[in-house]
Amino acid sequence: MGTLGLVAVHPDRRGRGLLAALTRACAERAGGRALVTSTQVGNLAALRGFARTGLLPVGARHVLHALVGDL
């Protein structure tokens, strides 16, 4: 299984196909195995971008983040 980690695109660079190119490269490297990524459920731009590349939501999980200093 391939994993595509955190993707952040500066607002000035959006709409240039960066997500599609990165997703294609990761899928090729995964060699036909599943490609997994994640985004926030409310990040509609990311969800649309992933859908355009063929990645579709298959589930949801809750992930909690905390800064070490906050513990």
PDB file of N, CA and C in Angstrom:
ATOM      1  N   MET A   1       0.853  -1.168   0.000  1.00  0.00           N
ATOM      2  CA  MET A   1       0.000   0.000   0.000  1.00  0.00           C
ATOM      3  C   MET A   1       0.896   1.227   0.000  1.00  0.00           C
ATOM      4  N   GLY A   2       0.546   2.198  -0.822  1.00  0.00           N
ATOM      5  CA  GLY A   2       1.248   3.474  -0.832  1.00  0.00           C
ATOM      6  C   GLY A   2       0.528   4.468   0.046  1.00  0.00           C
ATOM      7  N   THR A   3       1.279   5.398   0.591  1.00  0.00           N
ATOM      8  CA  THR A   3       0.697   6.427   1.448  1.00  0.00           C
ATOM      9  C   THR A   3       1.131   7.797   0.961  1.00  0.00           C
ATOM     10  N   LEU A   4       0.173   8.664   0.790  1.00  0.00           N
ATOM     11  CA  LEU A   4       0.429  10.052   0.435  1.00  0.00           C
ATOM     12  C   LEU A   4       0.169  10.862   1.690  1.00  0.00           C
ATOM     13  N   GLY A   5       1.207  11.438   2.255  1.00  0.00           N
ATOM     14  CA  GLY A   5       1.088  12.165   3.520  1.00  0.00           C
ATOM     15  C   GLY A   5       0.456  13.527   3.364  1.00  0.00           C
ATOM     16  N   LEU A   6       0.715  14.382   4.293  1.00  0.00           N
ATOM     17  CA  LEU A   6       0.135  15.715   4.316  1.00  0.00           C
ATOM     18  C   LEU A   6       0.500  16.484   3.050  1.00  0.00           C
ATOM     19  N   VAL A   7      -0.501  17.029   2.407  1.00  0.00           N
ATOM     20  CA  VAL A   7      -0.300  17.841   1.209  1.00  0.00           C
ATOM     21  C   VAL A   7      -0.809  19.241   1.513  1.00  0.00           C
ATOM     22  N   ALA A   8       0.052  20.214   1.331  1.00  0.00           N
ATOM     23  CA  ALA A   8      -0.344  21.610   1.517  1.00  0.00           C
ATOM     24  C   ALA A   8       0.130  22.395   0.304  1.00  0.00           C
ATOM     25  N   VAL A   9      -0.773  23.106  -0.321  1.00  0.00           N
ATOM     26  CA  VAL A   9      -0.438  23.908  -1.493  1.00  0.00           C
ATOM     27  C   VAL A   9      -0.743  25.360  -1.169  1.00  0.00           C
ATOM     28  N   HIS A  10       0.237  26.205  -1.354  1.00  0.00           N
ATOM     29  CA  HIS A  10       0.058  27.635  -1.099  1.00  0.00           C
ATOM     30  C   HIS A  10      -1.085  28.155  -1.974  1.00  0.00           C
ATOM     31  N   PRO A  11      -1.922  29.020  -1.424  1.00  0.00           N
ATOM     32  CA  PRO A  11      -3.068  29.529  -2.197  1.00  0.00           C
ATOM     33  C   PRO A  11      -2.684  30.112  -3.560  1.00  0.00           C
ATOM     34  N   ASP A  12      -1.511  30.729  -3.653  1.00  0.00           N
ATOM     35  CA  ASP A  12      -1.086  31.305  -4.931  1.00  0.00           C
ATOM     36  C   ASP A  12      -0.722  30.252  -5.966  1.00  0.00           C
ATOM     37  N   ARG A  13      -0.527  29.008  -5.538  1.00  0.00           N
ATOM     38  CA  ARG A  13      -0.105  27.936  -6.438  1.00  0.00           C
ATOM     39  C   ARG A  13      -1.227  26.945  -6.740  1.00  0.00           C
ATOM     40  N   ARG A  14      -2.393  27.145  -6.159  1.00  0.00           N
ATOM     41  CA  ARG A  14      -3.506  26.223  -6.375  1.00  0.00           C
ATOM     42  C   ARG A  14      -4.042  26.338  -7.796  1.00  0.00           C
ATOM     43  N   GLY A  15      -4.630  25.250  -8.276  1.00  0.00           N
ATOM     44  CA  GLY A  15      -5.225  25.259  -9.613  1.00  0.00           C
ATOM     45  C   GLY A  15      -4.225  25.021 -10.729  1.00  0.00           C
ATOM     46  N   ARG A  16      -3.013  24.585 -10.389  1.00  0.00           N
ATOM     47  CA  ARG A  16      -1.977  24.352 -11.400  1.00  0.00           C
ATOM     48  C   ARG A  16      -1.680  22.873 -11.626  1.00  0.00           C
ATOM     49  N   GLY A  17      -2.475  21.995 -11.000  1.00  0.00           N
ATOM     50  CA  GLY A  17      -2.293  20.569 -11.217  1.00  0.00           C
ATOM     51  C   GLY A  17      -1.246  19.921 -10.327  1.00  0.00           C
ATOM     52  N   LEU A  18      -0.811  20.601  -9.276  1.00  0.00           N
ATOM     53  CA  LEU A  18       0.215  20.039  -8.394  1.00  0.00           C
ATOM     54  C   LEU A  18      -0.274  18.785  -7.674  1.00  0.00           C
ATOM     55  N   LEU A  19      -1.510  18.826  -7.163  1.00  0.00           N
ATOM     56  CA  LEU A  19      -2.048  17.659  -6.457  1.00  0.00           C
ATOM     57  C   LEU A  19      -2.183  16.474  -7.410  1.00  0.00           C
ATOM     58  N   ALA A  20      -2.653  16.731  -8.619  1.00  0.00           N
ATOM     59  CA  ALA A  20      -2.814  15.658  -9.600  1.00  0.00           C
ATOM     60  C   ALA A  20      -1.460  15.037  -9.948  1.00  0.00           C
ATOM     61  N   ALA A  21      -0.451  15.869 -10.151  1.00  0.00           N
ATOM     62  CA  ALA A  21       0.879  15.354 -10.490  1.00  0.00           C
ATOM     63  C   ALA A  21       1.457  14.548  -9.334  1.00  0.00           C
ATOM     64  N   LEU A  22       1.312  15.046  -8.130  1.00  0.00           N
ATOM     65  CA  LEU A  22       1.826  14.343  -6.954  1.00  0.00           C
ATOM     66  C   LEU A  22       1.095  13.015  -6.756  1.00  0.00           C
ATOM     67  N   THR A  23      -0.214  13.032  -6.920  1.00  0.00           N
ATOM     68  CA  THR A  23      -1.008  11.812  -6.752  1.00  0.00           C
ATOM     69  C   THR A  23      -0.629  10.770  -7.800  1.00  0.00           C
ATOM     70  N   ARG A  24      -0.479  11.200  -9.055  1.00  0.00           N
ATOM     71  CA  ARG A  24      -0.062  10.276 -10.119  1.00  0.00           C
ATOM     72  C   ARG A  24       1.302   9.660  -9.809  1.00  0.00           C
ATOM     73  N   ALA A  25       2.248  10.480  -9.373  1.00  0.00           N
ATOM     74  CA  ALA A  25       3.588   9.975  -9.059  1.00  0.00           C
ATOM     75  C   ALA A  25       3.540   8.968  -7.915  1.00  0.00           C
ATOM     76  N   CYS A  26       2.753   9.247  -6.892  1.00  0.00           N
ATOM     77  CA  CYS A  26       2.624   8.320  -5.761  1.00  0.00           C
ATOM     78  C   CYS A  26       1.942   7.023  -6.185  1.00  0.00           C
ATOM     79  N   ALA A  27       0.923   7.126  -7.030  1.00  0.00           N
ATOM     80  CA  ALA A  27       0.225   5.929  -7.502  1.00  0.00           C
ATOM     81  C   ALA A  27       1.163   5.054  -8.335  1.00  0.00           C
ATOM     82  N   GLU A  28       1.968   5.679  -9.184  1.00  0.00           N
ATOM     83  CA  GLU A  28       2.934   4.919  -9.976  1.00  0.00           C
ATOM     84  C   GLU A  28       3.943   4.227  -9.069  1.00  0.00           C
ATOM     85  N   ARG A  29       4.398   4.940  -8.060  1.00  0.00           N
ATOM     86  CA  ARG A  29       5.372   4.358  -7.131  1.00  0.00           C
ATOM     87  C   ARG A  29       4.752   3.220  -6.316  1.00  0.00           C
ATOM     88  N   ALA A  30       3.446   3.315  -6.054  1.00  0.00           N
ATOM     89  CA  ALA A  30       2.756   2.255  -5.305  1.00  0.00           C
ATOM     90  C   ALA A  30       2.622   0.989  -6.154  1.00  0.00           C
ATOM     91  N   GLY A  31       2.806   1.109  -7.455  1.00  0.00           N
ATOM     92  CA  GLY A  31       2.828  -0.062  -8.327  1.00  0.00           C
ATOM     93  C   GLY A  31       1.539  -0.860  -8.367  1.00  0.00           C
ATOM     94  N   GLY A  32       0.404  -0.190  -8.410  1.00  0.00           N
ATOM     95  CA  GLY A  32      -0.869  -0.890  -8.509  1.00  0.00           C
ATOM     96  C   GLY A  32      -1.479  -1.261  -7.170  1.00  0.00           C
ATOM     97  N   ARG A  33      -0.740  -1.042  -6.096  1.00  0.00           N
ATOM     98  CA  ARG A  33      -1.312  -1.284  -4.768  1.00  0.00           C
ATOM     99  C   ARG A  33      -2.178  -0.093  -4.378  1.00  0.00           C
ATOM    100  N   ALA A  34      -2.912  -0.233  -3.326  1.00  0.00           N
ATOM    101  CA  ALA A  34      -3.779   0.850  -2.856  1.00  0.00           C
ATOM    102  C   ALA A  34      -2.949   2.077  -2.502  1.00  0.00           C
ATOM    103  N   LEU A  35      -3.511   3.238  -2.728  1.00  0.00           N
ATOM    104  CA  LEU A  35      -2.892   4.501  -2.328  1.00  0.00           C
ATOM    105  C   LEU A  35      -3.799   5.145  -1.302  1.00  0.00           C
ATOM    106  N   VAL A  36      -3.273   5.432  -0.144  1.00  0.00           N
ATOM    107  CA  VAL A  36      -4.058   5.969   0.966  1.00  0.00           C
ATOM    108  C   VAL A  36      -3.577   7.372   1.292  1.00  0.00           C
ATOM    109  N   THR A  37      -4.509   8.255   1.513  1.00  0.00           N
ATOM    110  CA  THR A  37      -4.196   9.599   1.973  1.00  0.00           C
ATOM    111  C   THR A  37      -5.285  10.028   2.938  1.00  0.00           C
ATOM    112  N   SER A  38      -5.138  11.180   3.519  1.00  0.00           N
ATOM    113  CA  SER A  38      -6.179  11.666   4.424  1.00  0.00           C
ATOM    114  C   SER A  38      -6.262  13.180   4.329  1.00  0.00           C
ATOM    115  N   THR A  39      -7.404  13.682   4.701  1.00  0.00           N
ATOM    116  CA  THR A  39      -7.614  15.117   4.781  1.00  0.00           C
ATOM    117  C   THR A  39      -8.716  15.357   5.800  1.00  0.00           C
ATOM    118  N   GLN A  40      -8.906  16.593   6.144  1.00  0.00           N
ATOM    119  CA  GLN A  40      -9.979  16.932   7.072  1.00  0.00           C
ATOM    120  C   GLN A  40     -11.307  16.821   6.334  1.00  0.00           C
ATOM    121  N   VAL A  41     -12.315  16.317   7.033  1.00  0.00           N
ATOM    122  CA  VAL A  41     -13.614  16.075   6.411  1.00  0.00           C
ATOM    123  C   VAL A  41     -14.222  17.363   5.843  1.00  0.00           C
ATOM    124  N   GLY A  42     -13.871  18.493   6.403  1.00  0.00           N
ATOM    125  CA  GLY A  42     -14.397  19.765   5.922  1.00  0.00           C
ATOM    126  C   GLY A  42     -13.569  20.417   4.836  1.00  0.00           C
ATOM    127  N   ASN A  43     -12.472  19.786   4.428  1.00  0.00           N
ATOM    128  CA  ASN A  43     -11.604  20.355   3.400  1.00  0.00           C
ATOM    129  C   ASN A  43     -12.132  19.960   2.024  1.00  0.00           C
ATOM    130  N   LEU A  44     -13.154  20.669   1.614  1.00  0.00           N
ATOM    131  CA  LEU A  44     -13.835  20.322   0.363  1.00  0.00           C
ATOM    132  C   LEU A  44     -12.932  20.472  -0.853  1.00  0.00           C
ATOM    133  N   ALA A  45     -12.037  21.442  -0.835  1.00  0.00           N
ATOM    134  CA  ALA A  45     -11.121  21.612  -1.965  1.00  0.00           C
ATOM    135  C   ALA A  45     -10.231  20.383  -2.115  1.00  0.00           C
ATOM    136  N   ALA A  46      -9.724  19.866  -1.010  1.00  0.00           N
ATOM    137  CA  ALA A  46      -8.881  18.669  -1.065  1.00  0.00           C
ATOM    138  C   ALA A  46      -9.696  17.460  -1.509  1.00  0.00           C
ATOM    139  N   LEU A  47     -10.893  17.319  -0.988  1.00  0.00           N
ATOM    140  CA  LEU A  47     -11.741  16.187  -1.375  1.00  0.00           C
ATOM    141  C   LEU A  47     -12.045  16.223  -2.869  1.00  0.00           C
ATOM    142  N   ARG A  48     -12.344  17.409  -3.389  1.00  0.00           N
ATOM    143  CA  ARG A  48     -12.606  17.546  -4.834  1.00  0.00           C
ATOM    144  C   ARG A  48     -11.345  17.239  -5.637  1.00  0.00           C
ATOM    145  N   GLY A  49     -10.213  17.737  -5.164  1.00  0.00           N
ATOM    146  CA  GLY A  49      -8.954  17.492  -5.869  1.00  0.00           C
ATOM    147  C   GLY A  49      -8.606  16.021  -5.908  1.00  0.00           C
ATOM    148  N   PHE A  50      -8.747  15.333  -4.781  1.00  0.00           N
ATOM    149  CA  PHE A  50      -8.464  13.900  -4.758  1.00  0.00           C
ATOM    150  C   PHE A  50      -9.453  13.140  -5.647  1.00  0.00           C
ATOM    151  N   ALA A  51     -10.713  13.548  -5.637  1.00  0.00           N
ATOM    152  CA  ALA A  51     -11.718  12.882  -6.471  1.00  0.00           C
ATOM    153  C   ALA A  51     -11.376  13.033  -7.951  1.00  0.00           C
ATOM    154  N   ARG A  52     -10.871  14.197  -8.343  1.00  0.00           N
ATOM    155  CA  ARG A  52     -10.485  14.398  -9.747  1.00  0.00           C
ATOM    156  C   ARG A  52      -9.357  13.462 -10.165  1.00  0.00           C
ATOM    157  N   THR A  53      -8.539  13.031  -9.209  1.00  0.00           N
ATOM    158  CA  THR A  53      -7.433  12.117  -9.529  1.00  0.00           C
ATOM    159  C   THR A  53      -7.835  10.656  -9.379  1.00  0.00           C
ATOM    160  N   GLY A  54      -9.085  10.413  -8.985  1.00  0.00           N
ATOM    161  CA  GLY A  54      -9.573   9.047  -8.853  1.00  0.00           C
ATOM    162  C   GLY A  54      -9.582   8.508  -7.433  1.00  0.00           C
ATOM    163  N   LEU A  55      -9.091   9.273  -6.480  1.00  0.00           N
ATOM    164  CA  LEU A  55      -9.138   8.840  -5.080  1.00  0.00           C
ATOM    165  C   LEU A  55     -10.493   9.217  -4.497  1.00  0.00           C
ATOM    166  N   LEU A  56     -11.157   8.260  -3.896  1.00  0.00           N
ATOM    167  CA  LEU A  56     -12.477   8.502  -3.332  1.00  0.00           C
ATOM    168  C   LEU A  56     -12.493   8.134  -1.863  1.00  0.00           C
ATOM    169  N   PRO A  57     -13.297   8.827  -1.054  1.00  0.00           N
ATOM    170  CA  PRO A  57     -13.390   8.501   0.374  1.00  0.00           C
ATOM    171  C   PRO A  57     -13.945   7.097   0.576  1.00  0.00           C
ATOM    172  N   VAL A  58     -13.342   6.347   1.468  1.00  0.00           N
ATOM    173  CA  VAL A  58     -13.827   5.006   1.785  1.00  0.00           C
ATOM    174  C   VAL A  58     -14.124   4.854   3.266  1.00  0.00           C
ATOM    175  N   GLY A  59     -13.885   5.883   4.031  1.00  0.00           N
ATOM    176  CA  GLY A  59     -14.144   5.789   5.459  1.00  0.00           C
ATOM    177  C   GLY A  59     -13.664   7.048   6.153  1.00  0.00           C
ATOM    178  N   ALA A  60     -13.889   7.070   7.427  1.00  0.00           N
ATOM    179  CA  ALA A  60     -13.467   8.218   8.224  1.00  0.00           C
ATOM    180  C   ALA A  60     -12.930   7.718   9.558  1.00  0.00           C
ATOM    181  N   ARG A  61     -12.009   8.464  10.096  1.00  0.00           N
ATOM    182  CA  ARG A  61     -11.509   8.161  11.432  1.00  0.00           C
ATOM    183  C   ARG A  61     -11.211   9.482  12.118  1.00  0.00           C
ATOM    184  N   HIS A  62     -11.277   9.456  13.406  1.00  0.00           N
ATOM    185  CA  HIS A  62     -10.993  10.654  14.191  1.00  0.00           C
ATOM    186  C   HIS A  62      -9.539  10.626  14.611  1.00  0.00           C
ATOM    187  N   VAL A  63      -8.853  11.733  14.373  1.00  0.00           N
ATOM    188  CA  VAL A  63      -7.454  11.868  14.766  1.00  0.00           C
ATOM    189  C   VAL A  63      -7.359  13.109  15.634  1.00  0.00           C
ATOM    190  N   LEU A  64      -6.809  12.934  16.800  1.00  0.00           N
ATOM    191  CA  LEU A  64      -6.646  14.066  17.716  1.00  0.00           C
ATOM    192  C   LEU A  64      -5.201  14.502  17.720  1.00  0.00           C
ATOM    193  N   HIS A  65      -4.983  15.798  17.727  1.00  0.00           N
ATOM    194  CA  HIS A  65      -3.642  16.349  17.739  1.00  0.00           C
ATOM    195  C   HIS A  65      -3.459  17.178  18.997  1.00  0.00           C
ATOM    196  N   ALA A  66      -2.287  17.123  19.556  1.00  0.00           N
ATOM    197  CA  ALA A  66      -1.962  17.950  20.719  1.00  0.00           C
ATOM    198  C   ALA A  66      -0.505  18.350  20.619  1.00  0.00           C
ATOM    199  N   LEU A  67      -0.211  19.565  20.990  1.00  0.00           N
ATOM    200  CA  LEU A  67       1.169  19.996  21.086  1.00  0.00           C
ATOM    201  C   LEU A  67       1.744  19.423  22.376  1.00  0.00           C
ATOM    202  N   VAL A  68       2.970  18.957  22.328  1.00  0.00           N
ATOM    203  CA  VAL A  68       3.582  18.323  23.491  1.00  0.00           C
ATOM    204  C   VAL A  68       3.527  19.249  24.696  1.00  0.00           C
ATOM    205  N   GLY A  69       3.712  20.524  24.494  1.00  0.00           N
ATOM    206  CA  GLY A  69       3.682  21.472  25.603  1.00  0.00           C
ATOM    207  C   GLY A  69       2.311  21.600  26.243  1.00  0.00           C
ATOM    208  N   ASP A  70       1.264  21.174  25.526  1.00  0.00           N
ATOM    209  CA  ASP A  70      -0.093  21.264  26.036  1.00  0.00           C
ATOM    210  C   ASP A  70      -0.465  20.101  26.958  1.00  0.00           C
ATOM    211  N   LEU A  71       0.341  19.038  26.930  1.00  0.00           N
ATOM    212  CA  LEU A  71       0.014  17.858  27.733  1.00  0.00           C
ATOM    213  C   LEU A  71       0.376  18.134  29.124  1.00  0.00           C
TER     214      LEU A  71
END
